[in-house]
Amino acid sequence: VIRAIPYDALRLCAYEQFKNYLKDEDGKLSVPARLAAGAFAGMTSTFVTYPLDTIRFRLAIDPAMKTMPQVVSTMIRQEGVLSFYKGLLPSLAGIAPYIAINFTTFDLMKKTMPENLQVGQLPNGTVTNHNMLSS
């Protein structure tokens, strides 16, 4: 949870920003541009939240570590600040294609849906808002 919420929030915001940046002069977004936006969003959110994942991992595997501040201070003192990013490159290499395909598929599937469903309106006129129904 400590990494999941910031990771997802950043990933979604970054995807929208990268999509806006990669639109052509007509304001359209090609499939390769969508893939790039997804890959960049995944890598951005992973890079920013990776230290939280490292801290969580260290807490899980080292019984001597009891708190996050203890993990942070020990890592900085014994290994330096860069230790928070050990293993980052393989994670980036794995997340980029996954998020690229995930977001691109979502966007393309959303475009094929009837317009009233794209904006959160069900066929009977019920409007949805954040998975909660209201009439």
C-alpha atoms as a PDB file:
ATOM      1  CA  VAL A   1       0.000   0.000   0.000  1.00  0.00           C
ATOM      2  CA  ILE A   2       2.819   2.413   0.809  1.00  0.00           C
ATOM      3  CA  ARG A   3       4.042   2.201  -2.785  1.00  0.00           C
ATOM      4  CA  ALA A   4       0.858   1.211  -4.619  1.00  0.00           C
ATOM      5  CA  ILE A   5      -1.131   4.409  -4.166  1.00  0.00           C
ATOM      6  CA  PRO A   6       1.633   6.864  -5.166  1.00  0.00           C
ATOM      7  CA  TYR A   7       2.706   4.519  -7.974  1.00  0.00           C
ATOM      8  CA  ASP A   8      -0.761   4.294  -9.516  1.00  0.00           C
ATOM      9  CA  ALA A   9      -1.489   7.991  -9.095  1.00  0.00           C
ATOM     10  CA  LEU A  10       1.792   8.975 -10.687  1.00  0.00           C
ATOM     11  CA  ARG A  11       1.447   6.393 -13.467  1.00  0.00           C
ATOM     12  CA  LEU A  12      -2.006   7.654 -14.464  1.00  0.00           C
ATOM     13  CA  CYS A  13      -1.006  11.327 -14.324  1.00  0.00           C
ATOM     14  CA  ALA A  14       2.231  10.694 -16.212  1.00  0.00           C
ATOM     15  CA  TYR A  15       0.384   8.756 -18.916  1.00  0.00           C
ATOM     16  CA  GLU A  16      -1.967  11.672 -19.563  1.00  0.00           C
ATOM     17  CA  GLN A  17       0.951  14.125 -19.644  1.00  0.00           C
ATOM     18  CA  PHE A  18       2.988  11.979 -22.036  1.00  0.00           C
ATOM     19  CA  LYS A  19      -0.061  11.486 -24.273  1.00  0.00           C
ATOM     20  CA  ASN A  20      -0.531  15.259 -24.485  1.00  0.00           C
ATOM     21  CA  TYR A  21       3.146  15.734 -25.261  1.00  0.00           C
ATOM     22  CA  LEU A  22       3.189  13.063 -27.987  1.00  0.00           C
ATOM     23  CA  LYS A  23       0.063  14.157 -29.899  1.00  0.00           C
ATOM     24  CA  ASP A  24       0.617  15.180 -33.504  1.00  0.00           C
ATOM     25  CA  GLU A  25      -0.214  18.631 -34.868  1.00  0.00           C
ATOM     26  CA  ASP A  26      -3.852  17.549 -35.369  1.00  0.00           C
ATOM     27  CA  GLY A  27      -4.137  16.518 -31.744  1.00  0.00           C
ATOM     28  CA  LYS A  28      -4.240  12.809 -32.613  1.00  0.00           C
ATOM     29  CA  LEU A  29      -2.268  10.077 -30.944  1.00  0.00           C
ATOM     30  CA  SER A  30      -0.917   7.188 -33.001  1.00  0.00           C
ATOM     31  CA  VAL A  31      -0.559   3.661 -31.642  1.00  0.00           C
ATOM     32  CA  PRO A  32       3.259   3.964 -31.414  1.00  0.00           C
ATOM     33  CA  ALA A  33       2.826   7.262 -29.541  1.00  0.00           C
ATOM     34  CA  ARG A  34       0.364   5.597 -27.146  1.00  0.00           C
ATOM     35  CA  LEU A  35       2.832   2.762 -26.583  1.00  0.00           C
ATOM     36  CA  ALA A  36       5.609   5.277 -25.912  1.00  0.00           C
ATOM     37  CA  ALA A  37       3.398   7.266 -23.512  1.00  0.00           C
ATOM     38  CA  GLY A  38       2.557   4.085 -21.602  1.00  0.00           C
ATOM     39  CA  ALA A  39       6.179   2.967 -21.447  1.00  0.00           C
ATOM     40  CA  PHE A  40       7.365   6.395 -20.270  1.00  0.00           C
ATOM     41  CA  ALA A  41       4.562   6.567 -17.666  1.00  0.00           C
ATOM     42  CA  GLY A  42       5.441   3.151 -16.301  1.00  0.00           C
ATOM     43  CA  MET A  43       9.130   3.956 -16.138  1.00  0.00           C
ATOM     44  CA  THR A  44       8.508   7.358 -14.532  1.00  0.00           C
ATOM     45  CA  SER A  45       6.280   5.986 -11.786  1.00  0.00           C
ATOM     46  CA  THR A  46       8.651   3.076 -11.183  1.00  0.00           C
ATOM     47  CA  PHE A  47      11.670   5.375 -10.934  1.00  0.00           C
ATOM     48  CA  VAL A  48       9.974   7.713  -8.463  1.00  0.00           C
ATOM     49  CA  THR A  49       8.513   5.025  -6.195  1.00  0.00           C
ATOM     50  CA  TYR A  50      11.328   2.452  -6.426  1.00  0.00           C
ATOM     51  CA  PRO A  51      12.934   3.536  -3.120  1.00  0.00           C
ATOM     52  CA  LEU A  52       9.647   2.774  -1.324  1.00  0.00           C
ATOM     53  CA  ASP A  53       9.672  -0.712  -2.814  1.00  0.00           C
ATOM     54  CA  THR A  54      13.299  -1.206  -1.770  1.00  0.00           C
ATOM     55  CA  ILE A  55      12.510  -0.133   1.799  1.00  0.00           C
ATOM     56  CA  ARG A  56       9.475  -2.429   1.932  1.00  0.00           C
ATOM     57  CA  PHE A  57      11.574  -5.329   0.630  1.00  0.00           C
ATOM     58  CA  ARG A  58      14.311  -4.719   3.213  1.00  0.00           C
ATOM     59  CA  LEU A  59      11.738  -4.635   6.012  1.00  0.00           C
ATOM     60  CA  ALA A  60      10.356  -7.962   4.817  1.00  0.00           C
ATOM     61  CA  ILE A  61      13.655  -9.843   4.560  1.00  0.00           C
ATOM     62  CA  ASP A  62      15.659  -8.465   7.481  1.00  0.00           C
ATOM     63  CA  PRO A  63      14.200  -9.334  10.875  1.00  0.00           C
ATOM     64  CA  ALA A  64      16.552  -6.842  12.549  1.00  0.00           C
ATOM     65  CA  MET A  65      14.833  -3.965  10.728  1.00  0.00           C
ATOM     66  CA  LYS A  66      11.681  -2.869  12.519  1.00  0.00           C
ATOM     67  CA  THR A  67      10.793   0.554  11.069  1.00  0.00           C
ATOM     68  CA  MET A  68      11.115   2.439   7.801  1.00  0.00           C
ATOM     69  CA  PRO A  69      13.334   5.153   9.306  1.00  0.00           C
ATOM     70  CA  GLN A  70      15.656   2.449  10.615  1.00  0.00           C
ATOM     71  CA  VAL A  71      15.920   0.905   7.143  1.00  0.00           C
ATOM     72  CA  VAL A  72      16.545   4.290   5.521  1.00  0.00           C
ATOM     73  CA  SER A  73      19.260   5.347   7.940  1.00  0.00           C
ATOM     74  CA  THR A  74      20.984   1.954   7.790  1.00  0.00           C
ATOM     75  CA  MET A  75      20.945   1.911   3.989  1.00  0.00           C
ATOM     76  CA  ILE A  76      22.316   5.444   3.701  1.00  0.00           C
ATOM     77  CA  ARG A  77      25.003   4.838   6.324  1.00  0.00           C
ATOM     78  CA  GLN A  78      26.152   1.434   5.057  1.00  0.00           C
ATOM     79  CA  GLU A  79      25.466   1.529   1.302  1.00  0.00           C
ATOM     80  CA  GLY A  80      24.825   5.119   0.260  1.00  0.00           C
ATOM     81  CA  VAL A  81      21.833   6.787  -1.359  1.00  0.00           C
ATOM     82  CA  LEU A  82      22.181   4.838  -4.617  1.00  0.00           C
ATOM     83  CA  SER A  83      21.339   1.633  -2.738  1.00  0.00           C
ATOM     84  CA  PHE A  84      17.672   2.660  -2.938  1.00  0.00           C
ATOM     85  CA  TYR A  85      17.887   2.107  -6.693  1.00  0.00           C
ATOM     86  CA  LYS A  86      19.664  -1.276  -6.808  1.00  0.00           C
ATOM     87  CA  GLY A  87      17.910  -3.414  -9.404  1.00  0.00           C
ATOM     88  CA  LEU A  88      16.128  -0.481 -11.019  1.00  0.00           C
ATOM     89  CA  LEU A  89      17.199  -1.170 -14.620  1.00  0.00           C
ATOM     90  CA  PRO A  90      15.692  -4.675 -14.837  1.00  0.00           C
ATOM     91  CA  SER A  91      12.502  -3.329 -13.268  1.00  0.00           C
ATOM     92  CA  LEU A  92      12.297  -0.542 -15.844  1.00  0.00           C
ATOM     93  CA  ALA A  93      12.944  -2.997 -18.666  1.00  0.00           C
ATOM     94  CA  GLY A  94      10.118  -5.192 -17.433  1.00  0.00           C
ATOM     95  CA  ILE A  95       7.560  -2.525 -16.642  1.00  0.00           C
ATOM     96  CA  ALA A  96       7.895  -0.459 -19.840  1.00  0.00           C
ATOM     97  CA  PRO A  97       6.378  -2.957 -22.286  1.00  0.00           C
ATOM     98  CA  TYR A  98       3.787  -4.134 -19.753  1.00  0.00           C
ATOM     99  CA  ILE A  99       2.379  -0.661 -19.060  1.00  0.00           C
ATOM    100  CA  ALA A 100       2.702   0.352 -22.720  1.00  0.00           C
ATOM    101  CA  ILE A 101       0.530  -2.551 -23.840  1.00  0.00           C
ATOM    102  CA  ASN A 102      -1.841  -2.177 -20.882  1.00  0.00           C
ATOM    103  CA  PHE A 103      -2.657   1.504 -21.473  1.00  0.00           C
ATOM    104  CA  THR A 104      -2.688   1.250 -25.268  1.00  0.00           C
ATOM    105  CA  THR A 105      -5.099  -1.676 -25.175  1.00  0.00           C
ATOM    106  CA  PHE A 106      -7.334   0.155 -22.729  1.00  0.00           C
ATOM    107  CA  ASP A 107      -7.389   3.315 -24.875  1.00  0.00           C
ATOM    108  CA  LEU A 108      -8.062   1.454 -28.102  1.00  0.00           C
ATOM    109  CA  MET A 109     -10.803  -0.688 -26.557  1.00  0.00           C
ATOM    110  CA  LYS A 110     -12.403   2.418 -25.061  1.00  0.00           C
ATOM    111  CA  LYS A 111     -12.487   4.029 -28.513  1.00  0.00           C
ATOM    112  CA  THR A 112     -14.472   1.081 -29.899  1.00  0.00           C
ATOM    113  CA  MET A 113     -17.207   1.405 -27.279  1.00  0.00           C
ATOM    114  CA  PRO A 114     -20.374   3.418 -27.919  1.00  0.00           C
ATOM    115  CA  GLU A 115     -19.840   7.041 -26.926  1.00  0.00           C
ATOM    116  CA  ASN A 116     -22.419   7.006 -24.124  1.00  0.00           C
ATOM    117  CA  LEU A 117     -20.453   4.213 -22.412  1.00  0.00           C
ATOM    118  CA  GLN A 118     -17.151   6.052 -22.799  1.00  0.00           C
ATOM    119  CA  VAL A 119     -18.302   8.901 -20.587  1.00  0.00           C
ATOM    120  CA  GLY A 120     -19.745   6.663 -17.880  1.00  0.00           C
ATOM    121  CA  GLN A 121     -23.395   6.507 -18.923  1.00  0.00           C
ATOM    122  CA  LEU A 122     -25.182   3.162 -19.039  1.00  0.00           C
ATOM    123  CA  PRO A 123     -27.714   2.385 -21.806  1.00  0.00           C
ATOM    124  CA  ASN A 124     -30.694   2.916 -19.451  1.00  0.00           C
ATOM    125  CA  GLY A 125     -29.560   6.488 -18.710  1.00  0.00           C
ATOM    126  CA  THR A 126     -27.964   5.737 -15.346  1.00  0.00           C
ATOM    127  CA  VAL A 127     -24.772   7.722 -14.875  1.00  0.00           C
ATOM    128  CA  THR A 128     -21.819   6.071 -13.216  1.00  0.00           C
ATOM    129  CA  ASN A 129     -19.324   7.891 -11.063  1.00  0.00           C
ATOM    130  CA  HIS A 130     -16.264   6.071  -9.689  1.00  0.00           C
ATOM    131  CA  ASN A 131     -17.974   2.670  -9.832  1.00  0.00           C
ATOM    132  CA  MET A 132     -20.930   3.922  -7.814  1.00  0.00           C
ATOM    133  CA  LEU A 133     -24.346   4.181  -9.434  1.00  0.00           C
ATOM    134  CA  SER A 134     -26.575   7.198  -9.036  1.00  0.00           C
ATOM    135  CA  SER A 135     -29.700   8.209 -10.899  1.00  0.00           C
END
